[in-house]
C-alpha cells in the first residue's frame, strides 16, 4: 500500500488492500513492474491514436469525422476521442 501512496496510484492501493484482507503479501517489485508495463501499454495506445488522427487530418477528414473514426477504431467514448483530437489534430 505504501508504494501506491507514494506513486499516487489508486489501483495499486486498492489491490494492496484487497490482498492484505486476503492475507497475501504484495511483492513491491512485481507491483512496480506491472505499473511500468501499464504505462508502456498506455503510451503505445496513445501513439496509435495520435498516428491515426494525423492520417485522418492528412486525408482532410473533418474533426467530427476524425472523432467518429477514432471512437470506432479504438472503442473510445466521445469524451476521450474529443480529448485526443483536440490534442493531436
C-alpha atoms as a PDB file:
ATOM      1  CA  UNK A   1       0.000   0.000   0.000  1.00  0.00           C
ATOM      2  CA  UNK A   2       2.944   2.323   0.660  1.00  0.00           C
ATOM      3  CA  UNK A   3       4.130   2.221  -2.959  1.00  0.00           C
ATOM      4  CA  UNK A   4       0.589   3.006  -4.119  1.00  0.00           C
ATOM      5  CA  UNK A   5       0.526   6.029  -1.840  1.00  0.00           C
ATOM      6  CA  UNK A   6       3.939   7.207  -2.993  1.00  0.00           C
ATOM      7  CA  UNK A   7       3.076   6.852  -6.684  1.00  0.00           C
ATOM      8  CA  UNK A   8      -0.494   8.089  -6.105  1.00  0.00           C
ATOM      9  CA  UNK A   9      -1.785   5.052  -7.975  1.00  0.00           C
ATOM     10  CA  UNK A  10      -5.255   4.151  -6.750  1.00  0.00           C
ATOM     11  CA  UNK A  11      -5.194   0.732  -8.433  1.00  0.00           C
ATOM     12  CA  UNK A  12      -2.059  -0.271  -6.506  1.00  0.00           C
ATOM     13  CA  UNK A  13      -3.642   0.924  -3.269  1.00  0.00           C
ATOM     14  CA  UNK A  14      -6.871  -0.982  -3.975  1.00  0.00           C
ATOM     15  CA  UNK A  15      -5.005  -4.152  -4.998  1.00  0.00           C
ATOM     16  CA  UNK A  16      -2.807  -3.921  -1.919  1.00  0.00           C
ATOM     17  CA  UNK A  17      -5.792  -3.544   0.413  1.00  0.00           C
ATOM     18  CA  UNK A  18      -7.581  -6.474  -1.221  1.00  0.00           C
ATOM     19  CA  UNK A  19      -4.534  -8.725  -0.940  1.00  0.00           C
ATOM     20  CA  UNK A  20      -3.945  -7.597   2.639  1.00  0.00           C
ATOM     21  CA  UNK A  21      -7.516  -8.593   3.544  1.00  0.00           C
ATOM     22  CA  UNK A  22      -6.915 -11.988   1.932  1.00  0.00           C
ATOM     23  CA  UNK A  23      -3.705 -12.410   3.935  1.00  0.00           C
ATOM     24  CA  UNK A  24      -1.448 -12.229   0.876  1.00  0.00           C
ATOM     25  CA  UNK A  25       1.712 -10.120   0.773  1.00  0.00           C
ATOM     26  CA  UNK A  26       2.214  -7.805  -2.189  1.00  0.00           C
ATOM     27  CA  UNK A  27       5.541  -8.116  -3.970  1.00  0.00           C
ATOM     28  CA  UNK A  28       6.641  -4.494  -4.452  1.00  0.00           C
ATOM     29  CA  UNK A  29       8.966  -5.271  -7.349  1.00  0.00           C
ATOM     30  CA  UNK A  30       6.185  -7.075  -9.186  1.00  0.00           C
ATOM     31  CA  UNK A  31       3.746  -4.254  -8.429  1.00  0.00           C
ATOM     32  CA  UNK A  32       6.154  -1.674  -9.863  1.00  0.00           C
ATOM     33  CA  UNK A  33       6.821  -3.826 -12.930  1.00  0.00           C
ATOM     34  CA  UNK A  34       3.075  -4.109 -13.555  1.00  0.00           C
ATOM     35  CA  UNK A  35       2.678  -0.353 -13.134  1.00  0.00           C
ATOM     36  CA  UNK A  36       5.514   0.250 -15.580  1.00  0.00           C
ATOM     37  CA  UNK A  37       4.014  -2.181 -18.113  1.00  0.00           C
ATOM     38  CA  UNK A  38       0.614  -0.491 -17.881  1.00  0.00           C
ATOM     39  CA  UNK A  39       2.329   2.831 -18.561  1.00  0.00           C
ATOM     40  CA  UNK A  40       4.092   1.419 -21.614  1.00  0.00           C
ATOM     41  CA  UNK A  41       0.841  -0.059 -22.947  1.00  0.00           C
ATOM     42  CA  UNK A  42      -0.960   3.249 -22.430  1.00  0.00           C
ATOM     43  CA  UNK A  43       1.834   5.002 -24.343  1.00  0.00           C
ATOM     44  CA  UNK A  44       1.581   2.528 -27.220  1.00  0.00           C
ATOM     45  CA  UNK A  45      -2.172   3.053 -27.476  1.00  0.00           C
ATOM     46  CA  UNK A  46      -1.803   6.836 -27.373  1.00  0.00           C
ATOM     47  CA  UNK A  47       0.838   6.616 -30.110  1.00  0.00           C
ATOM     48  CA  UNK A  48      -1.501   4.609 -32.329  1.00  0.00           C
ATOM     49  CA  UNK A  49      -4.337   7.062 -31.727  1.00  0.00           C
ATOM     50  CA  UNK A  50      -2.066  10.022 -32.482  1.00  0.00           C
ATOM     51  CA  UNK A  51      -0.878   8.381 -35.712  1.00  0.00           C
ATOM     52  CA  UNK A  52      -4.436   7.654 -36.820  1.00  0.00           C
ATOM     53  CA  UNK A  53      -5.508  11.238 -36.137  1.00  0.00           C
ATOM     54  CA  UNK A  54      -2.608  12.599 -38.179  1.00  0.00           C
ATOM     55  CA  UNK A  55      -3.538  10.300 -41.072  1.00  0.00           C
ATOM     56  CA  UNK A  56      -7.178  11.400 -40.951  1.00  0.00           C
ATOM     57  CA  UNK A  57      -6.028  15.022 -40.939  1.00  0.00           C
ATOM     58  CA  UNK A  58      -3.785  14.434 -43.984  1.00  0.00           C
ATOM     59  CA  UNK A  59      -6.759  12.822 -45.711  1.00  0.00           C
ATOM     60  CA  UNK A  60      -8.614  16.072 -44.960  1.00  0.00           C
ATOM     61  CA  UNK A  61     -11.215  14.414 -42.751  1.00  0.00           C
ATOM     62  CA  UNK A  62     -13.146  16.904 -40.644  1.00  0.00           C
ATOM     63  CA  UNK A  63     -12.631  16.986 -36.887  1.00  0.00           C
ATOM     64  CA  UNK A  64     -16.087  15.448 -36.397  1.00  0.00           C
ATOM     65  CA  UNK A  65     -15.364  12.612 -38.826  1.00  0.00           C
ATOM     66  CA  UNK A  66     -11.996  12.077 -37.175  1.00  0.00           C
ATOM     67  CA  UNK A  67     -13.653  11.870 -33.758  1.00  0.00           C
ATOM     68  CA  UNK A  68     -16.189   9.328 -35.083  1.00  0.00           C
ATOM     69  CA  UNK A  69     -13.442   7.265 -36.706  1.00  0.00           C
ATOM     70  CA  UNK A  70     -11.233   7.307 -33.603  1.00  0.00           C
ATOM     71  CA  UNK A  71     -14.195   6.287 -31.444  1.00  0.00           C
ATOM     72  CA  UNK A  72     -14.879   3.362 -33.767  1.00  0.00           C
ATOM     73  CA  UNK A  73     -11.257   2.340 -34.408  1.00  0.00           C
ATOM     74  CA  UNK A  74     -10.197   2.338 -30.754  1.00  0.00           C
ATOM     75  CA  UNK A  75     -13.527   1.721 -28.960  1.00  0.00           C
ATOM     76  CA  UNK A  76     -13.346   5.089 -27.208  1.00  0.00           C
ATOM     77  CA  UNK A  77     -16.176   7.153 -25.820  1.00  0.00           C
ATOM     78  CA  UNK A  78     -16.793  10.606 -27.300  1.00  0.00           C
ATOM     79  CA  UNK A  79     -15.195  12.494 -24.415  1.00  0.00           C
ATOM     80  CA  UNK A  80     -11.899  10.615 -24.715  1.00  0.00           C
ATOM     81  CA  UNK A  81     -11.881  10.837 -28.525  1.00  0.00           C
ATOM     82  CA  UNK A  82     -12.573  14.602 -28.311  1.00  0.00           C
ATOM     83  CA  UNK A  83      -9.620  14.989 -25.978  1.00  0.00           C
ATOM     84  CA  UNK A  84      -7.264  13.130 -28.323  1.00  0.00           C
ATOM     85  CA  UNK A  85      -8.446  15.059 -31.396  1.00  0.00           C
ATOM     86  CA  UNK A  86      -8.086  18.357 -29.524  1.00  0.00           C
ATOM     87  CA  UNK A  87      -4.500  17.453 -28.677  1.00  0.00           C
ATOM     88  CA  UNK A  88      -3.305  15.885 -31.944  1.00  0.00           C
ATOM     89  CA  UNK A  89      -5.447  17.251 -34.814  1.00  0.00           C
END
